[in-house]
């Protein structure tokens, strides 16, 4: 099965980089790298199986297809 492509807006990339920098500054690079690994693993999972996760119930119509995936830092291997 072919994986789907995920495209990021400039704002999304800026948010990811800003979160990494904030985590590194406040909690250290080890935690920031673990968070980055978790984001990467989640995005790869979504690319392979776009329907993964539980549907969210938001009132806004444009968020109707939003899903959530539970991740724990302990599930991410240390770098």
Protein backbone atom coordinates (compact mmCIF):
# COMPACT_ATOMS: atom_id res chain seq x y z
CA UNK A 1 0.00 0.00 0.00
CA UNK A 2 1.31 3.43 -0.94
CA UNK A 3 1.68 6.04 1.81
CA UNK A 4 -0.14 9.33 1.41
CA UNK A 5 1.71 12.62 1.17
CA UNK A 6 1.54 15.14 4.01
CA UNK A 7 2.03 18.81 3.15
CA UNK A 8 2.82 21.47 5.74
CA UNK A 9 1.96 25.14 5.59
CA UNK A 10 4.66 27.64 6.51
CA UNK A 11 2.72 28.38 9.71
CA UNK A 12 2.65 24.69 10.68
CA UNK A 13 6.40 24.35 10.15
CA UNK A 14 7.02 27.51 12.18
CA UNK A 15 4.85 26.12 15.02
CA UNK A 16 6.75 22.82 15.07
CA UNK A 17 10.15 24.55 15.09
CA UNK A 18 9.02 27.04 17.74
CA UNK A 19 7.76 24.24 20.00
CA UNK A 20 11.05 22.36 19.63
CA UNK A 21 13.02 25.50 20.55
CA UNK A 22 10.75 26.23 23.53
CA UNK A 23 11.07 22.66 24.84
CA UNK A 24 14.84 22.71 24.37
CA UNK A 25 15.09 26.02 26.22
CA UNK A 26 12.75 25.09 29.09
CA UNK A 27 13.36 21.35 29.52
CA UNK A 28 16.52 20.54 27.57
CA UNK A 29 17.41 19.15 24.17
CA UNK A 30 16.79 15.54 25.24
CA UNK A 31 13.10 16.19 25.82
CA UNK A 32 12.86 18.35 22.70
CA UNK A 33 14.34 15.53 20.60
CA UNK A 34 11.93 13.02 22.14
CA UNK A 35 9.03 15.34 21.31
CA UNK A 36 10.33 15.73 17.75
CA UNK A 37 10.60 11.93 17.42
CA UNK A 38 7.00 11.62 18.62
CA UNK A 39 5.76 14.17 16.09
CA UNK A 40 7.66 12.39 13.32
CA UNK A 41 6.33 8.96 14.32
CA UNK A 42 2.78 10.28 14.47
CA UNK A 43 3.02 11.93 11.06
CA UNK A 44 4.43 8.75 9.52
CA UNK A 45 1.56 6.78 11.07
CA UNK A 46 -0.97 9.24 9.63
CA UNK A 47 0.67 9.07 6.19
CA UNK A 48 0.42 5.27 6.21
CA UNK A 49 -3.11 5.13 7.64
CA UNK A 50 -4.98 8.45 7.19
CA UNK A 51 -8.06 7.17 9.03
CA UNK A 52 -6.15 6.28 12.20
CA UNK A 53 -7.29 7.82 15.47
CA UNK A 54 -10.56 8.69 17.11
CA UNK A 55 -12.79 11.31 15.49
CA UNK A 56 -13.01 14.62 17.35
CA UNK A 57 -16.34 16.34 17.85
CA UNK A 58 -15.81 20.03 17.19
CA UNK A 59 -18.63 22.46 16.52
CA UNK A 60 -16.81 24.08 13.59
CA UNK A 61 -17.69 22.42 10.28
CA UNK A 62 -14.18 22.90 8.85
CA UNK A 63 -12.79 20.67 11.63
CA UNK A 64 -15.21 17.83 10.89
CA UNK A 65 -12.53 15.39 9.70
CA UNK A 66 -10.15 16.04 12.61
CA UNK A 67 -8.87 12.97 14.46
CA UNK A 68 -6.71 12.51 17.55
CA UNK A 69 -4.03 10.00 18.41
CA UNK A 70 -2.89 9.47 21.97
CA UNK A 71 0.88 9.41 22.40
CA UNK A 72 2.96 9.14 25.53
CA UNK A 73 6.52 10.38 25.79
CA UNK A 74 7.43 6.99 27.31
CA UNK A 75 6.41 5.34 24.01
CA UNK A 76 9.17 7.23 22.21
CA UNK A 77 12.63 5.71 22.43
CA UNK A 78 15.38 7.85 23.94
CA UNK A 79 17.80 9.35 21.45
